[in-house]
Amino acid sequence: MTPDDLYYSKEHEWLRLEGDGSATIGITDHAQQELGDIVYVELPDPDSALEADEVMGSVESVKAVSEIFCPVAGTVTAVNESLEDAPEVVNSDPYGDGWLIRLRLDDAGSPAATMLSAGDYDKHVASEAD
């Protein structure tokens, strides 16, 4: 089930707006299912400035290595260091403990204008399957 309280990119990242003007970003359940068992996650350094749609890291699975794109512009404030020792958490809890980065947004109003709702994301996934 795609959570309704998040924003989604067509590249299968999700974004949760936090109350302090920051955002948490991860990959969707669909993305982790497509990747299979995740064995390594590469994330940007804290304090890195990222542009919207810029590659921010990668996820390596037993099937492939996939780039992760930052859906919005901002500065990385935290990375999920627990994934270094337990990358499989992205598979088991992609919307919770499997989050990837937190960032301070350059423009807090931008996600709603540039990203998909849960319903639109589900339609996008269905159209890719066609």
Protein backbone atom coordinates (compact mmCIF):
# COMPACT_ATOMS: atom_id res chain seq x y z
CA MET A 1 0.00 0.00 0.00
CA THR A 2 1.33 3.43 -0.96
CA PRO A 3 1.15 5.81 2.05
CA ASP A 4 -1.04 8.85 1.34
CA ASP A 5 0.99 11.25 3.50
CA LEU A 6 4.09 11.20 1.28
CA TYR A 7 5.12 12.67 -2.07
CA TYR A 8 6.58 10.48 -4.82
CA SER A 9 8.91 10.87 -7.79
CA LYS A 10 8.64 9.06 -11.11
CA GLU A 11 12.07 7.58 -10.27
CA HIS A 12 10.50 5.82 -7.23
CA GLU A 13 11.71 7.97 -4.35
CA TRP A 14 9.39 9.16 -1.61
CA LEU A 15 9.54 12.39 0.41
CA ARG A 16 7.98 13.18 3.78
CA LEU A 17 7.75 16.82 4.81
CA GLU A 18 8.75 17.28 8.44
CA GLY A 19 7.38 20.07 10.64
CA ASP A 20 10.68 21.97 10.77
CA GLY A 21 11.02 22.69 7.04
CA SER A 22 13.10 19.60 6.38
CA ALA A 23 12.25 16.42 4.51
CA THR A 24 13.01 12.72 4.82
CA ILE A 25 13.65 10.79 1.61
CA GLY A 26 13.70 7.08 0.80
CA ILE A 27 12.85 4.66 -1.98
CA THR A 28 9.37 3.26 -2.45
CA ASP A 29 8.14 -0.21 -1.66
CA HIS A 30 7.75 -0.78 -5.40
CA ALA A 31 11.41 0.16 -5.97
CA GLN A 32 12.73 -2.16 -3.28
CA GLN A 33 10.59 -5.02 -4.63
CA GLU A 34 11.96 -4.48 -8.13
CA LEU A 35 15.54 -4.38 -6.83
CA GLY A 36 15.31 -7.52 -4.73
CA ASP A 37 17.57 -8.12 -1.72
CA ILE A 38 19.50 -4.91 -1.02
CA VAL A 39 23.10 -5.53 0.01
CA TYR A 40 24.64 -2.04 0.01
CA VAL A 41 23.48 1.59 0.14
CA GLU A 42 25.69 4.53 -0.85
CA LEU A 43 24.51 7.89 0.48
CA PRO A 44 25.78 11.48 0.20
CA ASP A 45 27.84 13.14 2.91
CA PRO A 46 26.06 15.32 5.47
CA ASP A 47 26.16 19.01 4.51
CA SER A 48 26.14 18.10 0.79
CA ALA A 49 24.08 20.50 -1.31
CA LEU A 50 21.84 18.62 -3.75
CA GLU A 51 19.87 19.87 -6.72
CA ALA A 52 16.49 18.48 -7.71
CA ASP A 53 16.85 15.34 -9.85
CA GLU A 54 20.57 15.05 -9.01
CA VAL A 55 22.01 11.61 -8.24
CA MET A 56 22.38 11.43 -4.47
CA GLY A 57 23.63 7.87 -4.11
CA SER A 58 22.94 4.31 -5.11
CA VAL A 59 21.36 1.11 -3.91
CA GLU A 60 23.03 -2.20 -4.71
CA SER A 61 21.00 -5.39 -4.74
CA VAL A 62 21.74 -8.93 -5.74
CA LYS A 63 20.24 -8.01 -9.15
CA ALA A 64 21.70 -4.58 -9.97
CA VAL A 65 23.01 -1.21 -8.84
CA SER A 66 20.47 1.60 -9.15
CA GLU A 67 21.04 5.30 -8.78
CA ILE A 68 18.93 7.25 -6.30
CA PHE A 69 17.82 10.72 -7.32
CA CYS A 70 17.11 13.61 -4.97
CA PRO A 71 13.58 14.75 -5.87
CA VAL A 72 14.05 18.30 -4.50
CA ALA A 73 16.86 20.76 -3.86
CA GLY A 74 18.32 21.02 -0.38
CA THR A 75 21.22 20.38 1.97
CA VAL A 76 21.73 16.99 3.57
CA THR A 77 21.34 17.20 7.35
CA ALA A 78 21.47 13.47 8.13
CA VAL A 79 22.01 10.10 6.50
CA ASN A 80 20.66 6.81 7.81
CA GLU A 81 23.93 5.40 9.13
CA SER A 82 22.24 2.21 10.35
CA LEU A 83 21.94 1.12 6.69
CA GLU A 84 25.72 0.72 6.56
CA ASP A 85 25.44 -2.42 8.70
CA ALA A 86 21.87 -3.38 7.79
CA PRO A 87 20.98 -2.30 4.22
CA GLU A 88 18.25 -4.94 4.12
CA VAL A 89 16.09 -2.63 6.29
CA VAL A 90 15.28 -0.78 3.05
CA ASN A 91 13.56 -4.00 1.92
CA SER A 92 11.73 -4.71 5.17
CA ASP A 93 10.67 -1.14 6.09
CA PRO A 94 11.12 1.27 3.13
CA TYR A 95 8.80 3.95 4.55
CA GLY A 96 10.07 3.72 8.14
CA ASP A 97 13.48 2.62 9.40
CA GLY A 98 14.68 2.23 5.79
CA TRP A 99 14.72 5.99 5.13
CA LEU A 100 17.85 7.23 3.34
CA ILE A 101 18.51 10.92 3.99
CA ARG A 102 17.10 14.00 5.66
CA LEU A 103 17.59 17.39 4.13
CA ARG A 104 16.84 21.03 4.72
CA LEU A 105 14.77 22.12 1.73
CA ASP A 106 15.78 25.09 -0.37
CA ASP A 107 12.05 25.71 -0.98
CA ALA A 108 9.60 24.08 1.44
CA GLY A 109 6.67 24.63 -0.95
CA SER A 110 8.21 22.80 -3.89
CA PRO A 111 7.39 19.08 -3.29
CA ALA A 112 3.65 19.41 -3.81
CA ALA A 113 4.18 21.23 -7.11
CA THR A 114 6.79 18.87 -8.56
CA MET A 115 6.02 15.44 -7.10
CA LEU A 116 3.20 12.89 -7.34
CA SER A 117 0.46 12.08 -4.85
CA ALA A 118 0.08 8.45 -3.76
CA GLY A 119 -2.75 7.90 -6.24
CA ASP A 120 -0.81 9.46 -9.12
CA TYR A 121 2.28 7.42 -8.19
CA ASP A 122 0.24 4.20 -8.23
CA LYS A 123 -1.05 5.14 -11.72
CA HIS A 124 2.54 5.82 -12.83
CA VAL A 125 3.70 2.39 -11.57
CA ALA A 126 0.76 0.72 -13.33
CA SER A 127 1.57 2.52 -16.59
CA GLU A 128 5.21 1.32 -16.40
CA ALA A 129 3.97 -2.26 -16.10
CA ASP A 130 1.93 -1.97 -19.31
